[in-house]
Structure formats: structure tokens, C-alpha cells
N, C-alpha and C. Protein backbone atom coordinates (compact mmCIF):
# COMPACT_ATOMS: atom_id res chain seq x y z
N UNK A 1 -45.87 -23.77 9.57
CA UNK A 1 -46.67 -22.51 8.92
C UNK A 1 -45.63 -21.56 8.75
N UNK A 2 -45.54 -20.81 7.81
CA UNK A 2 -44.32 -19.73 7.57
C UNK A 2 -44.78 -18.76 8.29
N UNK A 3 -43.87 -17.68 8.69
CA UNK A 3 -44.30 -16.72 9.38
C UNK A 3 -45.22 -15.81 8.85
N UNK A 4 -45.04 -15.25 7.40
CA UNK A 4 -46.25 -14.68 6.53
C UNK A 4 -47.66 -15.31 7.39
N UNK A 5 -47.74 -16.96 7.16
CA UNK A 5 -49.26 -17.30 7.32
C UNK A 5 -49.31 -16.88 8.95
N UNK A 6 -48.35 -16.89 9.82
CA UNK A 6 -48.47 -16.95 11.34
C UNK A 6 -48.93 -15.69 11.14
N UNK A 7 -48.03 -14.50 10.73
CA UNK A 7 -48.23 -13.21 10.96
C UNK A 7 -49.97 -12.78 10.59
N UNK A 8 -50.49 -13.51 9.19
CA UNK A 8 -51.63 -13.27 8.80
C UNK A 8 -52.40 -13.59 9.32
N UNK A 9 -52.41 -14.62 9.80
CA UNK A 9 -53.45 -15.03 11.18
C UNK A 9 -53.66 -14.22 12.59
N UNK A 10 -52.76 -13.45 12.69
CA UNK A 10 -52.95 -12.78 13.95
C UNK A 10 -53.80 -11.49 13.39
N UNK A 11 -53.31 -10.85 12.17
CA UNK A 11 -54.17 -9.82 11.54
C UNK A 11 -55.81 -10.39 11.47
N UNK A 12 -56.18 -11.49 11.21
CA UNK A 12 -57.29 -11.93 10.87
C UNK A 12 -58.45 -12.06 12.12
N UNK A 13 -57.28 -12.33 13.40
CA UNK A 13 -57.87 -12.51 14.65
C UNK A 13 -58.32 -11.17 15.31
N UNK A 14 -58.14 -10.18 14.28
CA UNK A 14 -58.20 -8.65 14.82
C UNK A 14 -57.94 -8.18 16.47
N UNK A 15 -56.73 -8.73 16.81
CA UNK A 15 -55.91 -8.90 17.85
C UNK A 15 -55.18 -7.18 18.56
N UNK A 16 -54.67 -6.63 17.52
CA UNK A 16 -54.91 -5.13 17.43
C UNK A 16 -56.14 -3.84 18.33
N UNK A 17 -57.19 -4.74 18.09
CA UNK A 17 -58.33 -3.62 18.13
C UNK A 17 -58.41 -3.39 19.71
N UNK A 18 -57.99 -3.77 20.84
CA UNK A 18 -57.90 -3.38 22.24
C UNK A 18 -56.53 -2.31 22.09
N UNK A 19 -55.91 -2.23 21.19
CA UNK A 19 -54.91 -0.49 21.16
C UNK A 19 -55.56 0.74 20.52
N UNK A 20 -54.66 1.73 21.02
CA UNK A 20 -55.05 2.52 20.20
C UNK A 20 -54.64 2.84 18.91
N UNK A 21 -54.88 4.12 18.09
CA UNK A 21 -54.52 3.82 16.68
C UNK A 21 -52.94 3.88 16.37
N UNK A 22 -52.19 4.46 17.40
CA UNK A 22 -50.91 4.40 16.81
C UNK A 22 -50.47 3.24 17.21
N UNK A 23 -50.78 3.43 18.52
CA UNK A 23 -49.91 1.68 19.11
C UNK A 23 -50.18 0.56 17.83
N UNK A 24 -51.58 0.61 17.76
CA UNK A 24 -51.95 -0.66 16.80
C UNK A 24 -51.36 -0.81 15.42
N UNK A 25 -51.04 0.46 14.95
CA UNK A 25 -49.93 0.60 13.80
C UNK A 25 -48.24 0.06 14.16
N UNK A 26 -47.73 0.56 15.36
CA UNK A 26 -46.37 0.11 15.74
C UNK A 26 -46.69 -1.55 15.90
N UNK A 27 -47.78 -1.92 16.31
CA UNK A 27 -47.44 -3.61 16.34
C UNK A 27 -47.85 -4.30 15.45
N UNK A 28 -48.49 -3.81 14.17
CA UNK A 28 -48.51 -4.13 12.98
C UNK A 28 -47.44 -4.08 12.11
N UNK A 29 -46.53 -3.48 12.17
CA UNK A 29 -45.44 -3.08 11.47
C UNK A 29 -44.11 -4.02 12.25
N UNK A 30 -44.83 -4.40 13.43
CA UNK A 30 -43.82 -5.28 14.32
C UNK A 30 -43.93 -6.98 13.57
N UNK A 31 -45.25 -6.74 13.24
CA UNK A 31 -46.07 -8.06 13.25
C UNK A 31 -45.31 -8.33 11.53
N UNK A 32 -45.01 -7.42 10.65
CA UNK A 32 -44.47 -7.25 9.37
C UNK A 32 -43.42 -7.89 9.53
N UNK A 33 -42.48 -7.08 10.55
CA UNK A 33 -41.04 -7.25 10.17
C UNK A 33 -40.70 -8.89 10.63
N UNK A 34 -41.57 -9.50 11.69
CA UNK A 34 -41.57 -10.95 12.08
C UNK A 34 -41.53 -11.58 11.17
N UNK A 35 -42.63 -11.31 10.20
CA UNK A 35 -42.67 -11.90 8.89
C UNK A 35 -41.78 -11.76 7.88
N UNK A 36 -40.94 -10.80 7.81
CA UNK A 36 -39.88 -10.90 6.95
C UNK A 36 -38.48 -11.57 8.02
N UNK A 37 -38.35 -10.99 9.08
CA UNK A 37 -36.99 -11.34 9.79
C UNK A 37 -37.03 -12.29 10.75
N UNK A 38 -38.11 -12.60 11.33
CA UNK A 38 -38.27 -13.62 12.45
C UNK A 38 -38.41 -12.69 14.11
N UNK A 39 -38.64 -13.52 14.69
CA UNK A 39 -38.85 -13.40 16.59
C UNK A 39 -38.04 -12.51 16.91
N UNK A 40 -36.54 -12.48 16.48
CA UNK A 40 -35.20 -12.25 17.19
C UNK A 40 -35.54 -10.59 17.18
N UNK A 41 -35.52 -10.29 16.14
CA UNK A 41 -35.60 -8.53 16.06
C UNK A 41 -37.13 -7.61 16.88
N UNK A 42 -38.21 -8.78 16.70
CA UNK A 42 -39.23 -8.43 17.59
C UNK A 42 -39.22 -7.88 18.99
N UNK A 43 -37.97 -8.55 19.55
CA UNK A 43 -38.06 -8.51 21.16
C UNK A 43 -36.97 -7.39 21.21
N UNK A 44 -36.28 -6.95 20.46
CA UNK A 44 -34.89 -5.61 20.64
C UNK A 44 -35.85 -4.28 20.23
N UNK A 45 -35.25 -3.38 21.30
CA UNK A 45 -35.68 -1.97 21.54
C UNK A 45 -35.24 -1.33 20.04
N UNK A 46 -33.70 -2.01 19.82
CA UNK A 46 -33.12 -1.12 18.36
C UNK A 46 -34.10 -1.16 17.38
N UNK A 47 -35.28 -2.03 17.41
CA UNK A 47 -35.94 -2.30 15.83
C UNK A 47 -36.93 -0.69 15.99
N UNK A 48 -37.07 -0.48 16.86
CA UNK A 48 -37.62 1.05 17.24
C UNK A 48 -36.95 2.39 16.19
N UNK A 49 -35.20 1.94 16.05
CA UNK A 49 -34.56 3.33 15.47
C UNK A 49 -34.56 3.08 13.79
N UNK A 50 -34.97 1.62 13.64
CA UNK A 50 -34.98 1.48 12.01
C UNK A 50 -36.13 1.56 11.11
N UNK A 51 -35.76 1.58 10.01
CA UNK A 51 -37.37 2.09 9.21
C UNK A 51 -38.36 0.49 9.50
N UNK A 52 -39.39 0.69 9.30
CA UNK A 52 -40.16 1.70 8.90
C UNK A 52 -40.68 2.61 10.53
N UNK A 53 -40.19 2.13 11.56
CA UNK A 53 -40.31 2.78 12.68
C UNK A 53 -39.98 4.20 12.75
N UNK A 54 -39.08 4.46 12.21
CA UNK A 54 -38.19 5.98 12.26
C UNK A 54 -39.22 6.86 11.75
N UNK A 55 -39.64 6.49 11.19
CA UNK A 55 -41.49 7.61 10.54
C UNK A 55 -42.31 7.77 11.87
N UNK A 56 -42.15 6.63 12.86
CA UNK A 56 -43.50 7.07 13.49
C UNK A 56 -42.96 7.81 14.80
N UNK A 57 -41.46 8.28 14.96
CA UNK A 57 -41.08 9.19 15.52
C UNK A 57 -39.73 8.21 16.57
N UNK A 58 -39.36 8.85 17.48
CA UNK A 58 -38.13 8.30 18.40
C UNK A 58 -38.65 6.95 19.18
N UNK A 59 -37.71 6.30 19.68
CA UNK A 59 -38.24 5.16 20.75
C UNK A 59 -38.98 5.63 21.51
N UNK A 60 -38.81 6.36 22.25
CA UNK A 60 -39.11 6.66 23.12
C UNK A 60 -40.79 7.42 22.76
N UNK A 61 -40.88 8.09 21.86
CA UNK A 61 -42.27 8.33 21.72
C UNK A 61 -42.78 7.62 21.10
N UNK A 62 -42.76 6.25 20.24
CA UNK A 62 -43.38 4.68 20.20
C UNK A 62 -43.48 4.48 21.67
N UNK A 63 -42.82 4.16 22.37
CA UNK A 63 -43.28 3.80 23.29
C UNK A 63 -44.30 4.01 24.31
N UNK A 64 -43.94 5.32 24.44
CA UNK A 64 -45.42 6.29 24.95
C UNK A 64 -46.59 6.01 24.54
N UNK A 65 -47.02 5.61 23.21
CA UNK A 65 -48.47 5.38 22.44
C UNK A 65 -48.82 4.05 23.64
N UNK A 66 -47.46 3.40 24.35
CA UNK A 66 -48.33 2.13 24.90
C UNK A 66 -47.98 2.85 26.54
N UNK A 67 -48.20 3.76 26.92
CA UNK A 67 -47.91 4.52 28.34
C UNK A 67 -46.53 4.38 28.83
N UNK A 68 -46.36 3.35 29.06
CA UNK A 68 -44.90 2.60 29.43
C UNK A 68 -44.24 2.18 29.03
N UNK A 69 -42.77 1.86 29.46
CA UNK A 69 -42.16 0.71 28.73
C UNK A 69 -42.55 -0.19 29.33
N UNK A 70 -42.79 -0.88 30.57
CA UNK A 70 -43.63 -2.28 31.02
C UNK A 70 -44.99 -2.43 29.81
N UNK A 71 -45.74 -1.48 29.77
CA UNK A 71 -46.51 -1.89 28.72
C UNK A 71 -46.29 -2.28 27.55
N UNK A 72 -45.36 -1.48 27.05
CA UNK A 72 -44.73 -1.81 25.61
C UNK A 72 -44.15 -3.57 25.39
N UNK A 73 -43.32 -3.80 26.44
CA UNK A 73 -42.80 -5.24 26.81
C UNK A 73 -44.12 -6.00 26.47
N UNK A 74 -45.14 -5.70 27.62
CA UNK A 74 -46.06 -6.62 27.72
C UNK A 74 -46.88 -6.78 26.36
N UNK A 75 -46.81 -5.75 25.74
CA UNK A 75 -47.43 -6.00 24.43
C UNK A 75 -46.96 -6.78 23.31
N UNK A 76 -45.71 -6.81 23.46
CA UNK A 76 -44.52 -7.63 22.58
C UNK A 76 -44.86 -9.15 22.82
N UNK A 77 -44.74 -9.32 24.44
CA UNK A 77 -45.11 -10.74 24.87
C UNK A 77 -46.13 -11.13 24.33
N UNK A 78 -47.16 -10.22 24.36
CA UNK A 78 -48.86 -10.98 23.87
C UNK A 78 -48.80 -11.08 22.60
N UNK A 79 -48.40 -10.17 21.64
CA UNK A 79 -48.01 -10.22 20.21
C UNK A 79 -46.94 -11.35 19.80
N UNK A 80 -46.29 -11.99 20.75
CA UNK A 80 -45.95 -13.28 20.51
C UNK A 80 -46.58 -14.35 20.54
N UNK A 81 -47.23 -14.36 21.62
CA UNK A 81 -47.89 -15.70 21.97
C UNK A 81 -49.24 -15.61 20.92
N UNK A 82 -49.94 -14.56 20.47
CA UNK A 82 -50.46 -14.11 18.95
C UNK A 82 -50.03 -15.09 17.94
N UNK A 83 -49.11 -14.94 17.82
CA UNK A 83 -48.14 -15.45 16.69
C UNK A 83 -47.83 -17.04 16.48
N UNK A 84 -48.03 -17.62 18.01
CA UNK A 84 -47.92 -18.94 17.84
C UNK A 84 -48.89 -19.71 18.23
N UNK A 85 -50.28 -19.08 18.51
CA UNK A 85 -51.40 -19.60 19.20
C UNK A 85 -51.91 -20.60 17.69
N UNK A 86 -52.17 -21.81 17.91
CA UNK A 86 -52.79 -22.38 16.70
C UNK A 86 -54.34 -21.87 16.78
N UNK A 87 -54.52 -21.53 14.73
CA UNK A 87 -55.78 -20.87 15.17
C UNK A 87 -56.56 -22.19 14.79
């Protein structure tokens, strides 16, 4: 499967419904970044400093949407599992 196909499968499974609206938007943008660039960037906190994330606020503001950094990182790990889950 291509990265775009994997990303679309995650979107179809409504994985993001357990998150608040802003956190959901961050995860959707991360998923789009994954489809374009791969998994490496998904795990980097630096990604929160570049477009389109800079439009959502600073990395600190973005991480606060998940309450704390540990929950943000856990959400990223869960997203990675969802990406590679067999449909």
C-alpha cells in the first residue's frame, strides 16, 4: 500500500473521533504530512514549527491540545499503529 492509501484508510476508520476538535485537526494534518513525506517527520517535534502547523499555534500551544507532551506523543504512537493496521 502507498502512504496515501494508508492515510485514507485511517481517515475512513474515524480514528480521530476520540480527540477534541483542535487535537483532531493536528492529527489530520500529521496524517497528511505522513502521506506526503513519510513517518520520520511524524515523530519529530520540529514538524510542529512548519507549515501547516505554524498556522495552528506554537508547538507548546499545539501540544496543550493533548493536555501534556506525553499524551501528544502517545497520540502520535497510536496514529502510527493505525497507519499500519491492516484494514
